[in-house]
Amino acid sequence: MGNLRKKRRRKIAQHKRKKILKALRHKNK
């Protein structure tokens, strides 16, 4: 179960990073 939790946390982190990248790209425009 611990492994699943770790994977989920990594997925969430990647999702947050994507959101931030999108926001930055939007700002540059």
Protein backbone atom coordinates (compact mmCIF):
# COMPACT_ATOMS: atom_id res chain seq x y z
CA MET A 1 0.00 0.00 0.00
CA GLY A 2 2.87 2.37 0.79
CA ASN A 3 4.09 1.98 -2.79
CA LEU A 4 0.73 3.03 -4.20
CA ARG A 5 0.68 6.10 -2.01
CA LYS A 6 4.16 7.07 -3.19
CA LYS A 7 3.16 6.68 -6.84
CA ARG A 8 0.05 8.77 -6.32
CA ARG A 9 2.08 11.50 -4.64
CA ARG A 10 4.47 11.57 -7.59
CA LYS A 11 1.55 11.81 -10.01
CA ILE A 12 0.08 14.73 -8.09
CA ALA A 13 3.46 16.48 -8.08
CA GLN A 14 3.75 16.07 -11.85
CA HIS A 15 0.22 17.41 -12.28
CA LYS A 16 1.02 20.48 -10.18
CA ARG A 17 4.17 21.10 -12.21
CA LYS A 18 2.17 20.92 -15.44
CA LYS A 19 -0.34 23.42 -14.04
CA ILE A 20 2.45 25.83 -13.11
CA LEU A 21 4.09 25.47 -16.52
CA LYS A 22 0.77 26.20 -18.21
CA ALA A 23 0.25 29.30 -16.06
CA LEU A 24 3.76 30.56 -16.82
CA ARG A 25 3.28 30.00 -20.54
CA HIS A 26 0.00 31.90 -20.36
CA LYS A 27 1.70 34.80 -18.58
CA ASN A 28 4.42 35.02 -21.23
CA LYS A 29 1.74 35.42 -23.90
